[in-house]
Amino acid sequence: MPAPGHVVGVVVYTNAARAAGTLTVNVTINGTVTGLTAILNGSSTTTTATRQAQNTSKYTIGQRIGVKITTPSSAAGVLSV
């Protein structure tokens, strides 16, 4: 990132309801999972959002923010994070 900051939330949306299993999205900083996670499951089948306190997942100049997606093989549709 060009400036330091904090990751405070993640939103996951898919255009097709989760058919089975659990889809998990973990936010990463420089490839390391931060603990900020959003999950699509039996209760949240197409959209979910998770928020955390500021200063929980800090990043510095030059670090990369990403996501690690774990999905069942039955997942269908387009996933937006």
Protein backbone atom coordinates (compact mmCIF):
# COMPACT_ATOMS: atom_id res chain seq x y z
CA MET A 1 0.00 0.00 0.00
CA PRO A 2 1.21 3.54 -0.66
CA ALA A 3 0.42 4.67 2.90
CA PRO A 4 0.08 2.95 6.29
CA GLY A 5 -3.38 2.09 7.59
CA HIS A 6 -5.74 -0.49 9.06
CA VAL A 7 -7.99 -3.16 7.59
CA VAL A 8 -11.31 -2.82 9.41
CA GLY A 9 -13.74 -4.91 7.40
CA VAL A 10 -14.43 -7.42 4.66
CA VAL A 11 -17.60 -7.99 2.62
CA VAL A 12 -18.30 -11.09 0.53
CA TYR A 13 -21.03 -11.37 -2.10
CA THR A 14 -21.86 -14.12 -4.56
CA ASN A 15 -24.60 -14.11 -7.19
CA ALA A 16 -25.46 -17.79 -6.54
CA ALA A 17 -26.47 -19.10 -3.13
CA ARG A 18 -24.02 -21.40 -1.41
CA ALA A 19 -25.22 -24.94 -2.14
CA ALA A 20 -23.23 -26.86 0.47
CA GLY A 21 -20.26 -26.47 2.77
CA THR A 22 -18.72 -23.25 3.99
CA LEU A 23 -16.96 -20.56 1.97
CA THR A 24 -14.37 -18.69 4.04
CA VAL A 25 -12.56 -15.47 3.14
CA ASN A 26 -9.54 -14.54 5.28
CA VAL A 27 -7.93 -11.10 4.89
CA THR A 28 -4.13 -11.25 4.55
CA ILE A 29 -1.33 -8.74 4.96
CA ASN A 30 1.80 -9.76 3.03
CA GLY A 31 0.34 -13.26 2.71
CA THR A 32 -0.25 -13.74 6.45
CA VAL A 33 -3.83 -14.32 7.62
CA THR A 34 -4.89 -11.48 9.94
CA GLY A 35 -7.83 -13.11 11.71
CA LEU A 36 -10.40 -10.93 9.92
CA THR A 37 -12.71 -13.51 8.35
CA ALA A 38 -16.03 -13.51 6.50
CA ILE A 39 -17.99 -16.77 6.11
CA LEU A 40 -20.81 -17.85 3.81
CA ASN A 41 -22.67 -20.83 5.29
CA GLY A 42 -26.18 -22.11 6.01
CA SER A 43 -27.19 -18.81 7.67
CA SER A 44 -25.51 -16.45 5.19
CA THR A 45 -25.80 -18.01 1.74
CA THR A 46 -25.08 -15.09 -0.62
CA THR A 47 -23.62 -12.18 1.34
CA THR A 48 -21.80 -11.52 4.59
CA ALA A 49 -19.80 -8.72 6.18
CA THR A 50 -17.39 -8.66 9.11
CA ARG A 51 -15.95 -5.63 10.88
CA GLN A 52 -13.22 -5.36 13.50
CA ALA A 53 -11.76 -2.62 15.67
CA GLN A 54 -9.27 -0.17 14.19
CA ASN A 55 -5.61 -1.00 15.04
CA THR A 56 -6.34 -4.75 14.96
CA SER A 57 -4.88 -5.39 11.47
CA LYS A 58 -2.33 -2.65 10.73
CA TYR A 59 -0.28 -2.43 7.55
CA THR A 60 2.70 -0.28 6.63
CA ILE A 61 3.92 1.33 3.42
CA GLY A 62 4.72 -1.32 0.83
CA GLN A 63 2.76 -4.18 2.41
CA ARG A 64 0.23 -6.08 0.29
CA ILE A 65 -3.40 -6.58 1.33
CA GLY A 66 -5.11 -9.68 -0.04
CA VAL A 67 -7.57 -12.45 0.68
CA LYS A 68 -7.33 -16.21 1.05
CA ILE A 69 -10.50 -17.92 -0.17
CA THR A 70 -11.38 -21.44 0.92
CA THR A 71 -14.42 -22.81 -0.87
CA PRO A 72 -16.19 -26.14 -1.26
CA SER A 73 -15.96 -27.78 -4.67
CA SER A 74 -19.72 -27.26 -5.04
CA ALA A 75 -19.41 -23.46 -5.09
CA ALA A 76 -21.02 -21.80 -8.08
CA GLY A 77 -21.48 -18.26 -9.32
CA VAL A 78 -19.35 -15.14 -9.25
CA LEU A 79 -17.67 -14.22 -5.97
CA SER A 80 -16.94 -10.58 -5.10
CA VAL A 81 -14.76 -9.63 -2.12
